[in-house]
Amino acid sequence: MRTDHAVAQRLAGQAPVPPVHTETILRALHAQCIAAAKWITRQMEKRRSRLALLEMTDEQLKDIGLSRGQAYSEFRRGSWD
């Protein structure tokens, strides 16, 4: 349903003014995009870290208290972990 103001603008040949809540929607969308970008960044960092574990030598893994099997298990974990 149109407001009287929007109808008056249309009759006068003016472009209708967008509703005030458009800015709120755009801010929410922007926040969601930022959150998605941060999530992707965290997932990529997890993957890099897990790949780095696989590239370590047995001595390096021993220094941080992991076995080769534990490093492989960490690599195989789901991205949501």
PDB file of N, CA and C in Angstrom:
ATOM      1  N   MET A   1       0.829  -1.170   0.000  1.00  0.00           N
ATOM      2  CA  MET A   1       0.000   0.000   0.000  1.00  0.00           C
ATOM      3  C   MET A   1       0.884   1.247   0.000  1.00  0.00           C
ATOM      4  N   ARG A   2       0.566   2.189  -0.835  1.00  0.00           N
ATOM      5  CA  ARG A   2       1.357   3.407  -0.954  1.00  0.00           C
ATOM      6  C   ARG A   2       0.888   4.461   0.038  1.00  0.00           C
ATOM      7  N   THR A   3       1.827   5.264   0.475  1.00  0.00           N
ATOM      8  CA  THR A   3       1.464   6.373   1.360  1.00  0.00           C
ATOM      9  C   THR A   3       0.958   7.536   0.521  1.00  0.00           C
ATOM     10  N   ASP A   4       0.266   8.431   1.164  1.00  0.00           N
ATOM     11  CA  ASP A   4      -0.251   9.611   0.461  1.00  0.00           C
ATOM     12  C   ASP A   4       0.880  10.435  -0.140  1.00  0.00           C
ATOM     13  N   HIS A   5       1.999  10.503   0.566  1.00  0.00           N
ATOM     14  CA  HIS A   5       3.148  11.268   0.094  1.00  0.00           C
ATOM     15  C   HIS A   5       3.687  10.688  -1.213  1.00  0.00           C
ATOM     16  N   ALA A   6       3.815   9.363  -1.285  1.00  0.00           N
ATOM     17  CA  ALA A   6       4.334   8.707  -2.490  1.00  0.00           C
ATOM     18  C   ALA A   6       3.372   8.911  -3.657  1.00  0.00           C
ATOM     19  N   VAL A   7       2.082   8.840  -3.386  1.00  0.00           N
ATOM     20  CA  VAL A   7       1.083   9.040  -4.443  1.00  0.00           C
ATOM     21  C   VAL A   7       1.145  10.476  -4.946  1.00  0.00           C
ATOM     22  N   ALA A   8       1.278  11.427  -4.039  1.00  0.00           N
ATOM     23  CA  ALA A   8       1.356  12.841  -4.438  1.00  0.00           C
ATOM     24  C   ALA A   8       2.602  13.093  -5.291  1.00  0.00           C
ATOM     25  N   GLN A   9       3.719  12.484  -4.925  1.00  0.00           N
ATOM     26  CA  GLN A   9       4.945  12.662  -5.715  1.00  0.00           C
ATOM     27  C   GLN A   9       4.774  12.067  -7.107  1.00  0.00           C
ATOM     28  N   ARG A  10       4.127  10.909  -7.185  1.00  0.00           N
ATOM     29  CA  ARG A  10       3.933  10.270  -8.491  1.00  0.00           C
ATOM     30  C   ARG A  10       3.048  11.135  -9.382  1.00  0.00           C
ATOM     31  N   LEU A  11       1.993  11.682  -8.818  1.00  0.00           N
ATOM     32  CA  LEU A  11       1.092  12.533  -9.585  1.00  0.00           C
ATOM     33  C   LEU A  11       1.781  13.819 -10.028  1.00  0.00           C
ATOM     34  N   ALA A  12       2.741  14.291  -9.231  1.00  0.00           N
ATOM     35  CA  ALA A  12       3.463  15.516  -9.566  1.00  0.00           C
ATOM     36  C   ALA A  12       4.618  15.249 -10.526  1.00  0.00           C
ATOM     37  N   GLY A  13       4.846  13.988 -10.880  1.00  0.00           N
ATOM     38  CA  GLY A  13       5.906  13.647 -11.814  1.00  0.00           C
ATOM     39  C   GLY A  13       7.269  13.501 -11.158  1.00  0.00           C
ATOM     40  N   GLN A  14       7.315  13.453  -9.859  1.00  0.00           N
ATOM     41  CA  GLN A  14       8.577  13.295  -9.151  1.00  0.00           C
ATOM     42  C   GLN A  14       8.827  11.808  -8.885  1.00  0.00           C
ATOM     43  N   ALA A  15      10.095  11.481  -8.786  1.00  0.00           N
ATOM     44  CA  ALA A  15      10.450  10.101  -8.447  1.00  0.00           C
ATOM     45  C   ALA A  15      10.089   9.834  -6.990  1.00  0.00           C
ATOM     46  N   PRO A  16       9.530   8.678  -6.700  1.00  0.00           N
ATOM     47  CA  PRO A  16       9.179   8.374  -5.310  1.00  0.00           C
ATOM     48  C   PRO A  16      10.420   8.238  -4.441  1.00  0.00           C
ATOM     49  N   VAL A  17      10.282   8.664  -3.215  1.00  0.00           N
ATOM     50  CA  VAL A  17      11.370   8.575  -2.243  1.00  0.00           C
ATOM     51  C   VAL A  17      11.378   7.159  -1.678  1.00  0.00           C
ATOM     52  N   PRO A  18      12.534   6.494  -1.651  1.00  0.00           N
ATOM     53  CA  PRO A  18      12.548   5.142  -1.111  1.00  0.00           C
ATOM     54  C   PRO A  18      12.213   5.164   0.379  1.00  0.00           C
ATOM     55  N   PRO A  19      11.669   4.069   0.866  1.00  0.00           N
ATOM     56  CA  PRO A  19      11.331   4.022   2.286  1.00  0.00           C
ATOM     57  C   PRO A  19      12.578   4.219   3.151  1.00  0.00           C
ATOM     58  N   VAL A  20      12.376   4.729   4.335  1.00  0.00           N
ATOM     59  CA  VAL A  20      13.472   5.026   5.253  1.00  0.00           C
ATOM     60  C   VAL A  20      14.217   3.758   5.649  1.00  0.00           C
ATOM     61  N   HIS A  21      13.541   2.618   5.723  1.00  0.00           N
ATOM     62  CA  HIS A  21      14.173   1.384   6.181  1.00  0.00           C
ATOM     63  C   HIS A  21      15.166   0.796   5.178  1.00  0.00           C
ATOM     64  N   THR A  22      15.272   1.357   3.982  1.00  0.00           N
ATOM     65  CA  THR A  22      16.242   0.868   3.000  1.00  0.00           C
ATOM     66  C   THR A  22      17.666   0.964   3.540  1.00  0.00           C
ATOM     67  N   GLU A  23      17.967   2.043   4.227  1.00  0.00           N
ATOM     68  CA  GLU A  23      19.303   2.221   4.787  1.00  0.00           C
ATOM     69  C   GLU A  23      19.585   1.147   5.842  1.00  0.00           C
ATOM     70  N   THR A  24      18.590   0.821   6.631  1.00  0.00           N
ATOM     71  CA  THR A  24      18.741  -0.221   7.648  1.00  0.00           C
ATOM     72  C   THR A  24      19.018  -1.571   6.993  1.00  0.00           C
ATOM     73  N   ILE A  25      18.304  -1.861   5.931  1.00  0.00           N
ATOM     74  CA  ILE A  25      18.501  -3.119   5.211  1.00  0.00           C
ATOM     75  C   ILE A  25      19.905  -3.173   4.619  1.00  0.00           C
ATOM     76  N   LEU A  26      20.358  -2.066   4.034  1.00  0.00           N
ATOM     77  CA  LEU A  26      21.698  -2.029   3.454  1.00  0.00           C
ATOM     78  C   LEU A  26      22.775  -2.203   4.521  1.00  0.00           C
ATOM     79  N   ARG A  27      22.571  -1.616   5.692  1.00  0.00           N
ATOM     80  CA  ARG A  27      23.537  -1.791   6.782  1.00  0.00           C
ATOM     81  C   ARG A  27      23.581  -3.243   7.240  1.00  0.00           C
ATOM     82  N   ALA A  28      22.417  -3.869   7.327  1.00  0.00           N
ATOM     83  CA  ALA A  28      22.361  -5.280   7.725  1.00  0.00           C
ATOM     84  C   ALA A  28      23.045  -6.153   6.677  1.00  0.00           C
ATOM     85  N   LEU A  29      22.812  -5.865   5.415  1.00  0.00           N
ATOM     86  CA  LEU A  29      23.450  -6.619   4.341  1.00  0.00           C
ATOM     87  C   LEU A  29      24.965  -6.444   4.386  1.00  0.00           C
ATOM     88  N   HIS A  30      25.405  -5.219   4.619  1.00  0.00           N
ATOM     89  CA  HIS A  30      26.836  -4.939   4.727  1.00  0.00           C
ATOM     90  C   HIS A  30      27.448  -5.730   5.884  1.00  0.00           C
ATOM     91  N   ALA A  31      26.766  -5.752   7.016  1.00  0.00           N
ATOM     92  CA  ALA A  31      27.256  -6.501   8.182  1.00  0.00           C
ATOM     93  C   ALA A  31      27.340  -7.992   7.876  1.00  0.00           C
ATOM     94  N   GLN A  32      26.366  -8.517   7.148  1.00  0.00           N
ATOM     95  CA  GLN A  32      26.377  -9.934   6.780  1.00  0.00           C
ATOM     96  C   GLN A  32      27.535 -10.245   5.827  1.00  0.00           C
ATOM     97  N   CYS A  33      27.806  -9.338   4.913  1.00  0.00           N
ATOM     98  CA  CYS A  33      28.937  -9.535   3.989  1.00  0.00           C
ATOM     99  C   CYS A  33      30.262  -9.526   4.740  1.00  0.00           C
ATOM    100  N   ILE A  34      30.405  -8.631   5.703  1.00  0.00           N
ATOM    101  CA  ILE A  34      31.616  -8.574   6.517  1.00  0.00           C
ATOM    102  C   ILE A  34      31.764  -9.863   7.310  1.00  0.00           C
ATOM    103  N   ALA A  35      30.676 -10.343   7.908  1.00  0.00           N
ATOM    104  CA  ALA A  35      30.713 -11.587   8.684  1.00  0.00           C
ATOM    105  C   ALA A  35      31.101 -12.766   7.802  1.00  0.00           C
ATOM    106  N   ALA A  36      30.567 -12.815   6.586  1.00  0.00           N
ATOM    107  CA  ALA A  36      30.900 -13.904   5.661  1.00  0.00           C
ATOM    108  C   ALA A  36      32.375 -13.852   5.265  1.00  0.00           C
ATOM    109  N   ALA A  37      32.879 -12.662   5.019  1.00  0.00           N
ATOM    110  CA  ALA A  37      34.297 -12.519   4.657  1.00  0.00           C
ATOM    111  C   ALA A  37      35.198 -12.956   5.806  1.00  0.00           C
ATOM    112  N   LYS A  38      34.822 -12.612   7.039  1.00  0.00           N
ATOM    113  CA  LYS A  38      35.615 -13.029   8.201  1.00  0.00           C
ATOM    114  C   LYS A  38      35.580 -14.540   8.372  1.00  0.00           C
ATOM    115  N   TRP A  39      34.415 -15.146   8.143  1.00  0.00           N
ATOM    116  CA  TRP A  39      34.287 -16.605   8.253  1.00  0.00           C
ATOM    117  C   TRP A  39      35.180 -17.289   7.214  1.00  0.00           C
ATOM    118  N   ILE A  40      35.152 -16.800   5.993  1.00  0.00           N
ATOM    119  CA  ILE A  40      35.988 -17.375   4.932  1.00  0.00           C
ATOM    120  C   ILE A  40      37.462 -17.238   5.287  1.00  0.00           C
ATOM    121  N   THR A  41      37.846 -16.083   5.821  1.00  0.00           N
ATOM    122  CA  THR A  41      39.232 -15.856   6.233  1.00  0.00           C
ATOM    123  C   THR A  41      39.654 -16.854   7.306  1.00  0.00           C
ATOM    124  N   ARG A  42      38.782 -17.075   8.302  1.00  0.00           N
ATOM    125  CA  ARG A  42      39.101 -18.053   9.359  1.00  0.00           C
ATOM    126  C   ARG A  42      39.241 -19.460   8.794  1.00  0.00           C
ATOM    127  N   GLN A  43      38.356 -19.829   7.862  1.00  0.00           N
ATOM    128  CA  GLN A  43      38.427 -21.164   7.263  1.00  0.00           C
ATOM    129  C   GLN A  43      39.726 -21.348   6.480  1.00  0.00           C
ATOM    130  N   MET A  44      40.137 -20.311   5.768  1.00  0.00           N
ATOM    131  CA  MET A  44      41.381 -20.394   4.996  1.00  0.00           C
ATOM    132  C   MET A  44      42.585 -20.514   5.931  1.00  0.00           C
ATOM    133  N   GLU A  45      42.547 -19.789   7.054  1.00  0.00           N
ATOM    134  CA  GLU A  45      43.645 -19.857   8.016  1.00  0.00           C
ATOM    135  C   GLU A  45      43.725 -21.250   8.648  1.00  0.00           C
ATOM    136  N   LYS A  46      42.584 -21.842   8.962  1.00  0.00           N
ATOM    137  CA  LYS A  46      42.577 -23.213   9.489  1.00  0.00           C
ATOM    138  C   LYS A  46      43.218 -24.165   8.491  1.00  0.00           C
ATOM    139  N   ARG A  47      42.837 -24.020   7.233  1.00  0.00           N
ATOM    140  CA  ARG A  47      43.385 -24.916   6.207  1.00  0.00           C
ATOM    141  C   ARG A  47      44.897 -24.741   6.078  1.00  0.00           C
ATOM    142  N   ARG A  48      45.369 -23.498   6.076  1.00  0.00           N
ATOM    143  CA  ARG A  48      46.815 -23.249   5.991  1.00  0.00           C
ATOM    144  C   ARG A  48      47.543 -23.866   7.182  1.00  0.00           C
ATOM    145  N   SER A  49      46.964 -23.708   8.366  1.00  0.00           N
ATOM    146  CA  SER A  49      47.594 -24.256   9.567  1.00  0.00           C
ATOM    147  C   SER A  49      47.655 -25.779   9.517  1.00  0.00           C
ATOM    148  N   ARG A  50      46.575 -26.379   9.073  1.00  0.00           N
ATOM    149  CA  ARG A  50      46.531 -27.847   9.005  1.00  0.00           C
ATOM    150  C   ARG A  50      47.480 -28.377   7.936  1.00  0.00           C
ATOM    151  N   LEU A  51      47.600 -27.661   6.836  1.00  0.00           N
ATOM    152  CA  LEU A  51      48.567 -28.067   5.808  1.00  0.00           C
ATOM    153  C   LEU A  51      50.002 -27.929   6.327  1.00  0.00           C
ATOM    154  N   ALA A  52      50.240 -26.884   7.119  1.00  0.00           N
ATOM    155  CA  ALA A  52      51.576 -26.671   7.681  1.00  0.00           C
ATOM    156  C   ALA A  52      51.961 -27.817   8.599  1.00  0.00           C
ATOM    157  N   LEU A  53      50.990 -28.358   9.342  1.00  0.00           N
ATOM    158  CA  LEU A  53      51.278 -29.512  10.197  1.00  0.00           C
ATOM    159  C   LEU A  53      51.768 -30.700   9.376  1.00  0.00           C
ATOM    160  N   LEU A  54      51.124 -30.927   8.233  1.00  0.00           N
ATOM    161  CA  LEU A  54      51.521 -32.060   7.390  1.00  0.00           C
ATOM    162  C   LEU A  54      52.923 -31.887   6.816  1.00  0.00           C
ATOM    163  N   GLU A  55      53.342 -30.644   6.634  1.00  0.00           N
ATOM    164  CA  GLU A  55      54.660 -30.384   6.050  1.00  0.00           C
ATOM    165  C   GLU A  55      55.788 -30.457   7.073  1.00  0.00           C
ATOM    166  N   MET A  56      55.440 -30.529   8.361  1.00  0.00           N
ATOM    167  CA  MET A  56      56.473 -30.586   9.400  1.00  0.00           C
ATOM    168  C   MET A  56      57.145 -31.959   9.436  1.00  0.00           C
ATOM    169  N   THR A  57      58.391 -31.937   9.859  1.00  0.00           N
ATOM    170  CA  THR A  57      59.116 -33.205  10.042  1.00  0.00           C
ATOM    171  C   THR A  57      58.645 -33.851  11.345  1.00  0.00           C
ATOM    172  N   ASP A  58      58.995 -35.120  11.519  1.00  0.00           N
ATOM    173  CA  ASP A  58      58.625 -35.820  12.748  1.00  0.00           C
ATOM    174  C   ASP A  58      59.238 -35.139  13.972  1.00  0.00           C
ATOM    175  N   GLU A  59      60.459 -34.625  13.827  1.00  0.00           N
ATOM    176  CA  GLU A  59      61.106 -33.944  14.947  1.00  0.00           C
ATOM    177  C   GLU A  59      60.349 -32.663  15.320  1.00  0.00           C
ATOM    178  N   GLN A  60      59.927 -31.906  14.308  1.00  0.00           N
ATOM    179  CA  GLN A  60      59.174 -30.684  14.564  1.00  0.00           C
ATOM    180  C   GLN A  60      57.831 -30.997  15.240  1.00  0.00           C
ATOM    181  N   LEU A  61      57.174 -32.044  14.764  1.00  0.00           N
ATOM    182  CA  LEU A  61      55.911 -32.443  15.375  1.00  0.00           C
ATOM    183  C   LEU A  61      56.122 -32.869  16.823  1.00  0.00           C
ATOM    184  N   LYS A  62      57.218 -33.592  17.070  1.00  0.00           N
ATOM    185  CA  LYS A  62      57.527 -34.027  18.435  1.00  0.00           C
ATOM    186  C   LYS A  62      57.748 -32.818  19.345  1.00  0.00           C
ATOM    187  N   ASP A  63      58.378 -31.775  18.818  1.00  0.00           N
ATOM    188  CA  ASP A  63      58.622 -30.559  19.595  1.00  0.00           C
ATOM    189  C   ASP A  63      57.320 -29.903  20.070  1.00  0.00           C
ATOM    190  N   ILE A  64      56.275 -30.009  19.279  1.00  0.00           N
ATOM    191  CA  ILE A  64      54.996 -29.409  19.680  1.00  0.00           C
ATOM    192  C   ILE A  64      54.048 -30.445  20.287  1.00  0.00           C
ATOM    193  N   GLY A  65      54.549 -31.659  20.490  1.00  0.00           N
ATOM    194  CA  GLY A  65      53.776 -32.678  21.189  1.00  0.00           C
ATOM    195  C   GLY A  65      52.761 -33.421  20.351  1.00  0.00           C
ATOM    196  N   LEU A  66      53.022 -33.530  19.049  1.00  0.00           N
ATOM    197  CA  LEU A  66      52.112 -34.264  18.169  1.00  0.00           C
ATOM    198  C   LEU A  66      52.848 -35.382  17.446  1.00  0.00           C
ATOM    199  N   SER A  67      52.091 -36.422  17.122  1.00  0.00           N
ATOM    200  CA  SER A  67      52.632 -37.495  16.289  1.00  0.00           C
ATOM    201  C   SER A  67      52.203 -37.244  14.846  1.00  0.00           C
ATOM    202  N   ARG A  68      52.759 -37.988  13.934  1.00  0.00           N
ATOM    203  CA  ARG A  68      52.376 -37.870  12.527  1.00  0.00           C
ATOM    204  C   ARG A  68      50.890 -38.202  12.370  1.00  0.00           C
ATOM    205  N   GLY A  69      50.426 -39.221  13.075  1.00  0.00           N
ATOM    206  CA  GLY A  69      49.014 -39.609  13.013  1.00  0.00           C
ATOM    207  C   GLY A  69      48.089 -38.518  13.533  1.00  0.00           C
ATOM    208  N   GLN A  70      48.482 -37.851  14.613  1.00  0.00           N
ATOM    209  CA  GLN A  70      47.676 -36.760  15.149  1.00  0.00           C
ATOM    210  C   GLN A  70      47.631 -35.581  14.180  1.00  0.00           C
ATOM    211  N   ALA A  71      48.748 -35.315  13.542  1.00  0.00           N
ATOM    212  CA  ALA A  71      48.792 -34.228  12.557  1.00  0.00           C
ATOM    213  C   ALA A  71      47.864 -34.549  11.386  1.00  0.00           C
ATOM    214  N   TYR A  72      47.885 -35.799  10.950  1.00  0.00           N
ATOM    215  CA  TYR A  72      47.014 -36.203   9.846  1.00  0.00           C
ATOM    216  C   TYR A  72      45.545 -36.133  10.271  1.00  0.00           C
ATOM    217  N   SER A  73      45.263 -36.568  11.507  1.00  0.00           N
ATOM    218  CA  SER A  73      43.882 -36.497  12.010  1.00  0.00           C
ATOM    219  C   SER A  73      43.395 -35.052  12.062  1.00  0.00           C
ATOM    220  N   GLU A  74      44.264 -34.161  12.481  1.00  0.00           N
ATOM    221  CA  GLU A  74      43.907 -32.737  12.522  1.00  0.00           C
ATOM    222  C   GLU A  74      43.623 -32.229  11.113  1.00  0.00           C
ATOM    223  N   PHE A  75      44.432 -32.650  10.166  1.00  0.00           N
ATOM    224  CA  PHE A  75      44.240 -32.227   8.775  1.00  0.00           C
ATOM    225  C   PHE A  75      42.886 -32.705   8.236  1.00  0.00           C
ATOM    226  N   ARG A  76      42.499 -33.911   8.626  1.00  0.00           N
ATOM    227  CA  ARG A  76      41.261 -34.517   8.102  1.00  0.00           C
ATOM    228  C   ARG A  76      39.990 -34.004   8.779  1.00  0.00           C
ATOM    229  N   ARG A  77      40.123 -33.215   9.833  1.00  0.00           N
ATOM    230  CA  ARG A  77      38.949 -32.699  10.530  1.00  0.00           C
ATOM    231  C   ARG A  77      38.116 -31.834   9.586  1.00  0.00           C
ATOM    232  N   GLY A  78      36.829 -31.765   9.866  1.00  0.00           N
ATOM    233  CA  GLY A  78      35.946 -30.942   9.061  1.00  0.00           C
ATOM    234  C   GLY A  78      36.238 -29.456   9.231  1.00  0.00           C
ATOM    235  N   SER A  79      35.877 -28.678   8.269  1.00  0.00           N
ATOM    236  CA  SER A  79      36.170 -27.244   8.319  1.00  0.00           C
ATOM    237  C   SER A  79      35.365 -26.543   9.412  1.00  0.00           C
ATOM    238  N   TRP A  80      34.275 -27.127   9.866  1.00  0.00           N
ATOM    239  CA  TRP A  80      33.458 -26.522  10.919  1.00  0.00           C
ATOM    240  C   TRP A  80      34.037 -26.735  12.301  1.00  0.00           C
ATOM    241  N   ASP A  81      35.054 -27.616  12.416  1.00  0.00           N
ATOM    242  CA  ASP A  81      35.702 -27.873  13.726  1.00  0.00           C
ATOM    243  C   ASP A  81      36.703 -26.807  14.043  1.00  0.00           C
TER     244      ASP A  81
END
